[in-house]
Amino acid sequence: MTALLLVLAVLAAVAGLGWLCLSPIRLGAAGAVLVAAHPLPTIAVTAVVTAVLTVAAGRMAYRSLREGGWCLVTVQRAAFAVSRTGGVTP
């Protein structure tokens, strides 16, 4: 019975979190309440998540550059291109 109650509690929490995340206004309000109620843990979690995402993005960019996957491509278009209808478009 305890396991069932625990599973139901987890499902309710996931459903509540999903409902909260469906609206940016609700999510912002929840963030404001969280910052007001627990500022230090919220700032600490935000800093850790920011650091982790920055490291992950840097690692992805480094690997992509090392493997030669990126190249700079510049596409130049003529000043006047011939349109499909036969005229000239500026």
PDB file of N, CA and C in Angstrom:
ATOM      1  N   MET A   1       0.824  -1.196   0.000  1.00  0.00           N
ATOM      2  CA  MET A   1       0.000   0.000   0.000  1.00  0.00           C
ATOM      3  C   MET A   1       0.868   1.259   0.000  1.00  0.00           C
ATOM      4  N   THR A   2       1.978   1.220   0.721  1.00  0.00           N
ATOM      5  CA  THR A   2       2.870   2.372   0.769  1.00  0.00           C
ATOM      6  C   THR A   2       3.466   2.642  -0.611  1.00  0.00           C
ATOM      7  N   ALA A   3       3.829   1.586  -1.318  1.00  0.00           N
ATOM      8  CA  ALA A   3       4.393   1.743  -2.662  1.00  0.00           C
ATOM      9  C   ALA A   3       3.368   2.368  -3.600  1.00  0.00           C
ATOM     10  N   LEU A   4       2.128   1.951  -3.491  1.00  0.00           N
ATOM     11  CA  LEU A   4       1.074   2.506  -4.328  1.00  0.00           C
ATOM     12  C   LEU A   4       0.886   3.995  -4.061  1.00  0.00           C
ATOM     13  N   LEU A   5       0.886   4.373  -2.788  1.00  0.00           N
ATOM     14  CA  LEU A   5       0.751   5.779  -2.438  1.00  0.00           C
ATOM     15  C   LEU A   5       1.953   6.592  -2.936  1.00  0.00           C
ATOM     16  N   LEU A   6       3.127   6.000  -2.868  1.00  0.00           N
ATOM     17  CA  LEU A   6       4.322   6.676  -3.354  1.00  0.00           C
ATOM     18  C   LEU A   6       4.260   6.873  -4.869  1.00  0.00           C
ATOM     19  N   VAL A   7       3.839   5.843  -5.580  1.00  0.00           N
ATOM     20  CA  VAL A   7       3.700   5.944  -7.038  1.00  0.00           C
ATOM     21  C   VAL A   7       2.661   7.000  -7.408  1.00  0.00           C
ATOM     22  N   LEU A   8       1.546   7.026  -6.707  1.00  0.00           N
ATOM     23  CA  LEU A   8       0.510   8.030  -6.976  1.00  0.00           C
ATOM     24  C   LEU A   8       1.012   9.435  -6.667  1.00  0.00           C
ATOM     25  N   ALA A   9       1.789   9.568  -5.611  1.00  0.00           N
ATOM     26  CA  ALA A   9       2.344  10.880  -5.274  1.00  0.00           C
ATOM     27  C   ALA A   9       3.320  11.357  -6.352  1.00  0.00           C
ATOM     28  N   VAL A  10       4.146  10.451  -6.855  1.00  0.00           N
ATOM     29  CA  VAL A  10       5.091  10.810  -7.917  1.00  0.00           C
ATOM     30  C   VAL A  10       4.333  11.182  -9.189  1.00  0.00           C
ATOM     31  N   LEU A  11       3.314  10.412  -9.540  1.00  0.00           N
ATOM     32  CA  LEU A  11       2.519  10.736 -10.727  1.00  0.00           C
ATOM     33  C   LEU A  11       1.818  12.085 -10.586  1.00  0.00           C
ATOM     34  N   ALA A  12       1.309  12.365  -9.397  1.00  0.00           N
ATOM     35  CA  ALA A  12       0.659  13.660  -9.170  1.00  0.00           C
ATOM     36  C   ALA A  12       1.665  14.800  -9.271  1.00  0.00           C
ATOM     37  N   ALA A  13       2.873  14.579  -8.761  1.00  0.00           N
ATOM     38  CA  ALA A  13       3.908  15.612  -8.850  1.00  0.00           C
ATOM     39  C   ALA A  13       4.310  15.853 -10.298  1.00  0.00           C
ATOM     40  N   VAL A  14       4.453  14.796 -11.077  1.00  0.00           N
ATOM     41  CA  VAL A  14       4.809  14.933 -12.493  1.00  0.00           C
ATOM     42  C   VAL A  14       3.686  15.640 -13.254  1.00  0.00           C
ATOM     43  N   ALA A  15       2.452  15.286 -12.967  1.00  0.00           N
ATOM     44  CA  ALA A  15       1.318  15.941 -13.621  1.00  0.00           C
ATOM     45  C   ALA A  15       1.260  17.417 -13.238  1.00  0.00           C
ATOM     46  N   GLY A  16       1.505  17.714 -11.980  1.00  0.00           N
ATOM     47  CA  GLY A  16       1.514  19.110 -11.529  1.00  0.00           C
ATOM     48  C   GLY A  16       2.629  19.902 -12.176  1.00  0.00           C
ATOM     49  N   LEU A  17       3.797  19.299 -12.306  1.00  0.00           N
ATOM     50  CA  LEU A  17       4.921  19.968 -12.952  1.00  0.00           C
ATOM     51  C   LEU A  17       4.635  20.190 -14.435  1.00  0.00           C
ATOM     52  N   GLY A  18       4.021  19.209 -15.076  1.00  0.00           N
ATOM     53  CA  GLY A  18       3.647  19.361 -16.477  1.00  0.00           C
ATOM     54  C   GLY A  18       2.641  20.478 -16.666  1.00  0.00           C
ATOM     55  N   TRP A  19       1.654  20.549 -15.774  1.00  0.00           N
ATOM     56  CA  TRP A  19       0.651  21.608 -15.837  1.00  0.00           C
ATOM     57  C   TRP A  19       1.305  22.962 -15.632  1.00  0.00           C
ATOM     58  N   LEU A  20       2.252  23.018 -14.722  1.00  0.00           N
ATOM     59  CA  LEU A  20       2.950  24.260 -14.423  1.00  0.00           C
ATOM     60  C   LEU A  20       3.779  24.731 -15.616  1.00  0.00           C
ATOM     61  N   CYS A  21       4.421  23.803 -16.296  1.00  0.00           N
ATOM     62  CA  CYS A  21       5.303  24.153 -17.407  1.00  0.00           C
ATOM     63  C   CYS A  21       4.548  24.478 -18.692  1.00  0.00           C
ATOM     64  N   LEU A  22       3.268  24.203 -18.756  1.00  0.00           N
ATOM     65  CA  LEU A  22       2.506  24.489 -19.969  1.00  0.00           C
ATOM     66  C   LEU A  22       2.304  25.977 -20.186  1.00  0.00           C
ATOM     67  N   SER A  23       2.397  26.761 -19.139  1.00  0.00           N
ATOM     68  CA  SER A  23       2.181  28.196 -19.260  1.00  0.00           C
ATOM     69  C   SER A  23       3.411  28.945 -18.776  1.00  0.00           C
ATOM     70  N   PRO A  24       3.957  29.828 -19.601  1.00  0.00           N
ATOM     71  CA  PRO A  24       5.105  30.615 -19.162  1.00  0.00           C
ATOM     72  C   PRO A  24       4.773  31.515 -17.971  1.00  0.00           C
ATOM     73  N   ILE A  25       3.536  31.971 -17.894  1.00  0.00           N
ATOM     74  CA  ILE A  25       3.136  32.838 -16.774  1.00  0.00           C
ATOM     75  C   ILE A  25       3.127  32.047 -15.475  1.00  0.00           C
ATOM     76  N   ARG A  26       2.555  30.838 -15.517  1.00  0.00           N
ATOM     77  CA  ARG A  26       2.555  29.990 -14.315  1.00  0.00           C
ATOM     78  C   ARG A  26       3.975  29.624 -13.909  1.00  0.00           C
ATOM     79  N   LEU A  27       4.812  29.295 -14.901  1.00  0.00           N
ATOM     80  CA  LEU A  27       6.186  28.921 -14.612  1.00  0.00           C
ATOM     81  C   LEU A  27       6.963  30.101 -14.032  1.00  0.00           C
ATOM     82  N   GLY A  28       6.761  31.291 -14.586  1.00  0.00           N
ATOM     83  CA  GLY A  28       7.405  32.488 -14.041  1.00  0.00           C
ATOM     84  C   GLY A  28       6.941  32.806 -12.642  1.00  0.00           C
ATOM     85  N   ALA A  29       5.648  32.650 -12.401  1.00  0.00           N
ATOM     86  CA  ALA A  29       5.116  32.896 -11.058  1.00  0.00           C
ATOM     87  C   ALA A  29       5.679  31.901 -10.054  1.00  0.00           C
ATOM     88  N   ALA A  30       5.779  30.647 -10.458  1.00  0.00           N
ATOM     89  CA  ALA A  30       6.354  29.639  -9.565  1.00  0.00           C
ATOM     90  C   ALA A  30       7.821  29.949  -9.290  1.00  0.00           C
ATOM     91  N   GLY A  31       8.559  30.404 -10.301  1.00  0.00           N
ATOM     92  CA  GLY A  31       9.951  30.786 -10.100  1.00  0.00           C
ATOM     93  C   GLY A  31      10.078  31.965  -9.164  1.00  0.00           C
ATOM     94  N   ALA A  32       9.188  32.948  -9.300  1.00  0.00           N
ATOM     95  CA  ALA A  32       9.221  34.112  -8.413  1.00  0.00           C
ATOM     96  C   ALA A  32       8.924  33.708  -6.972  1.00  0.00           C
ATOM     97  N   VAL A  33       7.963  32.827  -6.792  1.00  0.00           N
ATOM     98  CA  VAL A  33       7.645  32.342  -5.446  1.00  0.00           C
ATOM     99  C   VAL A  33       8.825  31.575  -4.872  1.00  0.00           C
ATOM    100  N   LEU A  34       9.456  30.762  -5.703  1.00  0.00           N
ATOM    101  CA  LEU A  34      10.604  29.978  -5.242  1.00  0.00           C
ATOM    102  C   LEU A  34      11.772  30.880  -4.857  1.00  0.00           C
ATOM    103  N   VAL A  35      12.043  31.910  -5.655  1.00  0.00           N
ATOM    104  CA  VAL A  35      13.131  32.841  -5.332  1.00  0.00           C
ATOM    105  C   VAL A  35      12.809  33.614  -4.058  1.00  0.00           C
ATOM    106  N   ALA A  36      11.548  33.996  -3.893  1.00  0.00           N
ATOM    107  CA  ALA A  36      11.167  34.748  -2.693  1.00  0.00           C
ATOM    108  C   ALA A  36      11.223  33.866  -1.442  1.00  0.00           C
ATOM    109  N   ALA A  37      10.831  32.607  -1.595  1.00  0.00           N
ATOM    110  CA  ALA A  37      10.780  31.725  -0.426  1.00  0.00           C
ATOM    111  C   ALA A  37      12.153  31.152  -0.073  1.00  0.00           C
ATOM    112  N   HIS A  38      12.936  30.797  -1.070  1.00  0.00           N
ATOM    113  CA  HIS A  38      14.246  30.166  -0.841  1.00  0.00           C
ATOM    114  C   HIS A  38      15.268  30.763  -1.807  1.00  0.00           C
ATOM    115  N   PRO A  39      15.742  31.963  -1.547  1.00  0.00           N
ATOM    116  CA  PRO A  39      16.619  32.610  -2.523  1.00  0.00           C
ATOM    117  C   PRO A  39      17.983  31.938  -2.690  1.00  0.00           C
ATOM    118  N   LEU A  40      18.616  31.549  -1.610  1.00  0.00           N
ATOM    119  CA  LEU A  40      19.960  30.991  -1.722  1.00  0.00           C
ATOM    120  C   LEU A  40      19.988  29.653  -2.463  1.00  0.00           C
ATOM    121  N   PRO A  41      19.123  28.689  -2.118  1.00  0.00           N
ATOM    122  CA  PRO A  41      19.143  27.435  -2.893  1.00  0.00           C
ATOM    123  C   PRO A  41      18.765  27.640  -4.361  1.00  0.00           C
ATOM    124  N   THR A  42      17.845  28.555  -4.627  1.00  0.00           N
ATOM    125  CA  THR A  42      17.438  28.800  -6.008  1.00  0.00           C
ATOM    126  C   THR A  42      18.594  29.378  -6.819  1.00  0.00           C
ATOM    127  N   ILE A  43      19.308  30.329  -6.249  1.00  0.00           N
ATOM    128  CA  ILE A  43      20.452  30.917  -6.943  1.00  0.00           C
ATOM    129  C   ILE A  43      21.552  29.878  -7.128  1.00  0.00           C
ATOM    130  N   ALA A  44      21.763  29.042  -6.114  1.00  0.00           N
ATOM    131  CA  ALA A  44      22.793  28.007  -6.225  1.00  0.00           C
ATOM    132  C   ALA A  44      22.453  27.003  -7.322  1.00  0.00           C
ATOM    133  N   VAL A  45      21.220  26.558  -7.379  1.00  0.00           N
ATOM    134  CA  VAL A  45      20.803  25.602  -8.412  1.00  0.00           C
ATOM    135  C   VAL A  45      20.910  26.247  -9.790  1.00  0.00           C
ATOM    136  N   THR A  46      20.509  27.505  -9.889  1.00  0.00           N
ATOM    137  CA  THR A  46      20.606  28.216 -11.165  1.00  0.00           C
ATOM    138  C   THR A  46      22.060  28.322 -11.620  1.00  0.00           C
ATOM    139  N   ALA A  47      22.955  28.622 -10.706  1.00  0.00           N
ATOM    140  CA  ALA A  47      24.374  28.730 -11.057  1.00  0.00           C
ATOM    141  C   ALA A  47      24.936  27.385 -11.514  1.00  0.00           C
ATOM    142  N   VAL A  48      24.563  26.318 -10.829  1.00  0.00           N
ATOM    143  CA  VAL A  48      25.057  24.984 -11.193  1.00  0.00           C
ATOM    144  C   VAL A  48      24.521  24.577 -12.566  1.00  0.00           C
ATOM    145  N   VAL A  49      23.248  24.783 -12.799  1.00  0.00           N
ATOM    146  CA  VAL A  49      22.650  24.418 -14.088  1.00  0.00           C
ATOM    147  C   VAL A  49      23.275  25.238 -15.213  1.00  0.00           C
ATOM    148  N   THR A  50      23.500  26.521 -14.967  1.00  0.00           N
ATOM    149  CA  THR A  50      24.130  27.379 -15.973  1.00  0.00           C
ATOM    150  C   THR A  50      25.541  26.891 -16.294  1.00  0.00           C
ATOM    151  N   ALA A  51      26.296  26.540 -15.263  1.00  0.00           N
ATOM    152  CA  ALA A  51      27.659  26.045 -15.484  1.00  0.00           C
ATOM    153  C   ALA A  51      27.653  24.737 -16.268  1.00  0.00           C
ATOM    154  N   VAL A  52      26.762  23.837 -15.907  1.00  0.00           N
ATOM    155  CA  VAL A  52      26.690  22.542 -16.601  1.00  0.00           C
ATOM    156  C   VAL A  52      26.315  22.738 -18.070  1.00  0.00           C
ATOM    157  N   LEU A  53      25.331  23.590 -18.341  1.00  0.00           N
ATOM    158  CA  LEU A  53      24.921  23.823 -19.728  1.00  0.00           C
ATOM    159  C   LEU A  53      26.025  24.513 -20.530  1.00  0.00           C
ATOM    160  N   THR A  54      26.765  25.428 -19.892  1.00  0.00           N
ATOM    161  CA  THR A  54      27.870  26.097 -20.579  1.00  0.00           C
ATOM    162  C   THR A  54      28.975  25.116 -20.922  1.00  0.00           C
ATOM    163  N   VAL A  55      29.307  24.244 -19.989  1.00  0.00           N
ATOM    164  CA  VAL A  55      30.342  23.239 -20.245  1.00  0.00           C
ATOM    165  C   VAL A  55      29.897  22.288 -21.347  1.00  0.00           C
ATOM    166  N   ALA A  56      28.639  21.864 -21.314  1.00  0.00           N
ATOM    167  CA  ALA A  56      28.137  20.948 -22.333  1.00  0.00           C
ATOM    168  C   ALA A  56      28.157  21.603 -23.714  1.00  0.00           C
ATOM    169  N   ALA A  57      27.753  22.869 -23.801  1.00  0.00           N
ATOM    170  CA  ALA A  57      27.760  23.563 -25.091  1.00  0.00           C
ATOM    171  C   ALA A  57      29.186  23.759 -25.596  1.00  0.00           C
ATOM    172  N   GLY A  58      30.102  24.113 -24.700  1.00  0.00           N
ATOM    173  CA  GLY A  58      31.498  24.276 -25.103  1.00  0.00           C
ATOM    174  C   GLY A  58      32.112  22.977 -25.576  1.00  0.00           C
ATOM    175  N   ARG A  59      31.769  21.915 -24.894  1.00  0.00           N
ATOM    176  CA  ARG A  59      32.285  20.598 -25.284  1.00  0.00           C
ATOM    177  C   ARG A  59      31.764  20.186 -26.662  1.00  0.00           C
ATOM    178  N   MET A  60      30.478  20.440 -26.901  1.00  0.00           N
ATOM    179  CA  MET A  60      29.905  20.116 -28.206  1.00  0.00           C
ATOM    180  C   MET A  60      30.560  20.937 -29.310  1.00  0.00           C
ATOM    181  N   ALA A  61      30.776  22.224 -29.054  1.00  0.00           N
ATOM    182  CA  ALA A  61      31.405  23.079 -30.052  1.00  0.00           C
ATOM    183  C   ALA A  61      32.846  22.638 -30.306  1.00  0.00           C
ATOM    184  N   TYR A  62      33.575  22.313 -29.256  1.00  0.00           N
ATOM    185  CA  TYR A  62      34.962  21.877 -29.402  1.00  0.00           C
ATOM    186  C   TYR A  62      35.049  20.590 -30.221  1.00  0.00           C
ATOM    187  N   ARG A  63      34.186  19.629 -29.896  1.00  0.00           N
ATOM    188  CA  ARG A  63      34.199  18.365 -30.650  1.00  0.00           C
ATOM    189  C   ARG A  63      33.842  18.583 -32.105  1.00  0.00           C
ATOM    190  N   SER A  64      32.863  19.440 -32.342  1.00  0.00           N
ATOM    191  CA  SER A  64      32.446  19.691 -33.716  1.00  0.00           C
ATOM    192  C   SER A  64      33.556  20.377 -34.502  1.00  0.00           C
ATOM    193  N   LEU A  65      34.241  21.337 -33.867  1.00  0.00           N
ATOM    194  CA  LEU A  65      35.337  22.023 -34.551  1.00  0.00           C
ATOM    195  C   LEU A  65      36.518  21.088 -34.772  1.00  0.00           C
ATOM    196  N   ARG A  66      36.799  20.232 -33.805  1.00  0.00           N
ATOM    197  CA  ARG A  66      37.924  19.310 -33.916  1.00  0.00           C
ATOM    198  C   ARG A  66      37.713  18.312 -35.041  1.00  0.00           C
ATOM    199  N   GLU A  67      36.488  17.887 -35.230  1.00  0.00           N
ATOM    200  CA  GLU A  67      36.183  16.907 -36.269  1.00  0.00           C
ATOM    201  C   GLU A  67      36.029  17.558 -37.644  1.00  0.00           C
ATOM    202  N   GLY A  68      36.127  18.860 -37.704  1.00  0.00           N
ATOM    203  CA  GLY A  68      36.006  19.548 -38.990  1.00  0.00           C
ATOM    204  C   GLY A  68      34.582  19.612 -39.486  1.00  0.00           C
ATOM    205  N   GLY A  69      33.640  19.596 -38.594  1.00  0.00           N
ATOM    206  CA  GLY A  69      32.245  19.596 -39.005  1.00  0.00           C
ATOM    207  C   GLY A  69      31.702  20.973 -39.350  1.00  0.00           C
ATOM    208  N   TRP A  70      32.413  22.024 -38.957  1.00  0.00           N
ATOM    209  CA  TRP A  70      31.916  23.369 -39.223  1.00  0.00           C
ATOM    210  C   TRP A  70      32.719  23.998 -40.340  1.00  0.00           C
ATOM    211  N   CYS A  71      32.052  24.760 -41.164  1.00  0.00           N
ATOM    212  CA  CYS A  71      32.759  25.557 -42.156  1.00  0.00           C
ATOM    213  C   CYS A  71      31.950  26.825 -42.385  1.00  0.00           C
ATOM    214  N   LEU A  72      32.658  27.883 -42.675  1.00  0.00           N
ATOM    215  CA  LEU A  72      32.008  29.156 -42.911  1.00  0.00           C
ATOM    216  C   LEU A  72      31.671  29.265 -44.389  1.00  0.00           C
ATOM    217  N   VAL A  73      30.406  29.447 -44.658  1.00  0.00           N
ATOM    218  CA  VAL A  73      29.958  29.539 -46.043  1.00  0.00           C
ATOM    219  C   VAL A  73      29.315  30.902 -46.238  1.00  0.00           C
ATOM    220  N   THR A  74      29.778  31.619 -47.235  1.00  0.00           N
ATOM    221  CA  THR A  74      29.191  32.911 -47.567  1.00  0.00           C
ATOM    222  C   THR A  74      28.525  32.785 -48.923  1.00  0.00           C
ATOM    223  N   VAL A  75      27.265  33.084 -48.955  1.00  0.00           N
ATOM    224  CA  VAL A  75      26.519  33.016 -50.208  1.00  0.00           C
ATOM    225  C   VAL A  75      26.329  34.439 -50.702  1.00  0.00           C
ATOM    226  N   GLN A  76      26.790  34.706 -51.906  1.00  0.00           N
ATOM    227  CA  GLN A  76      26.649  36.033 -52.477  1.00  0.00           C
ATOM    228  C   GLN A  76      25.653  35.973 -53.620  1.00  0.00           C
ATOM    229  N   ARG A  77      24.748  36.905 -53.578  1.00  0.00           N
ATOM    230  CA  ARG A  77      23.727  36.976 -54.599  1.00  0.00           C
ATOM    231  C   ARG A  77      24.007  38.147 -55.506  1.00  0.00           C
ATOM    232  N   ALA A  78      23.745  37.993 -56.751  1.00  0.00           N
ATOM    233  CA  ALA A  78      23.940  39.098 -57.694  1.00  0.00           C
ATOM    234  C   ALA A  78      22.997  40.242 -57.339  1.00  0.00           C
ATOM    235  N   ALA A  79      23.397  41.455 -57.698  1.00  0.00           N
ATOM    236  CA  ALA A  79      22.570  42.621 -57.383  1.00  0.00           C
ATOM    237  C   ALA A  79      21.229  42.541 -58.097  1.00  0.00           C
ATOM    238  N   PHE A  80      21.240  42.037 -59.325  1.00  0.00           N
ATOM    239  CA  PHE A  80      20.002  41.882 -60.068  1.00  0.00           C
ATOM    240  C   PHE A  80      19.879  40.427 -60.500  1.00  0.00           C
ATOM    241  N   ALA A  81      18.878  39.790 -60.007  1.00  0.00           N
ATOM    242  CA  ALA A  81      18.670  38.391 -60.364  1.00  0.00           C
ATOM    243  C   ALA A  81      17.535  38.307 -61.373  1.00  0.00           C
ATOM    244  N   VAL A  82      17.650  37.383 -62.304  1.00  0.00           N
ATOM    245  CA  VAL A  82      16.600  37.198 -63.299  1.00  0.00           C
ATOM    246  C   VAL A  82      15.470  36.427 -62.634  1.00  0.00           C
ATOM    247  N   SER A  83      14.283  36.990 -62.704  1.00  0.00           N
ATOM    248  CA  SER A  83      13.148  36.323 -62.072  1.00  0.00           C
ATOM    249  C   SER A  83      12.600  35.237 -62.982  1.00  0.00           C
ATOM    250  N   ARG A  84      11.776  34.399 -62.457  1.00  0.00           N
ATOM    251  CA  ARG A  84      11.224  33.291 -63.243  1.00  0.00           C
ATOM    252  C   ARG A  84      10.229  33.781 -64.290  1.00  0.00           C
ATOM    253  N   THR A  85       9.694  34.970 -64.080  1.00  0.00           N
ATOM    254  CA  THR A  85       8.736  35.475 -65.048  1.00  0.00           C
ATOM    255  C   THR A  85       9.432  36.158 -66.213  1.00  0.00           C
ATOM    256  N   GLY A  86      10.744  36.241 -66.166  1.00  0.00           N
ATOM    257  CA  GLY A  86      11.486  36.792 -67.289  1.00  0.00           C
ATOM    258  C   GLY A  86      11.958  38.208 -67.064  1.00  0.00           C
ATOM    259  N   GLY A  87      11.469  38.870 -66.041  1.00  0.00           N
ATOM    260  CA  GLY A  87      11.880  40.247 -65.791  1.00  0.00           C
ATOM    261  C   GLY A  87      13.107  40.305 -64.887  1.00  0.00           C
ATOM    262  N   VAL A  88      13.483  41.500 -64.567  1.00  0.00           N
ATOM    263  CA  VAL A  88      14.620  41.710 -63.678  1.00  0.00           C
ATOM    264  C   VAL A  88      14.103  42.280 -62.366  1.00  0.00           C
ATOM    265  N   THR A  89      14.526  41.674 -61.259  1.00  0.00           N
ATOM    266  CA  THR A  89      14.081  42.150 -59.944  1.00  0.00           C
ATOM    267  C   THR A  89      15.257  42.798 -59.232  1.00  0.00           C
ATOM    268  N   PRO A  90      15.040  43.959 -58.657  1.00  0.00           N
ATOM    269  CA  PRO A  90      16.141  44.627 -57.941  1.00  0.00           C
ATOM    270  C   PRO A  90      16.421  43.967 -56.601  1.00  0.00           C
TER     271      PRO A  90
END
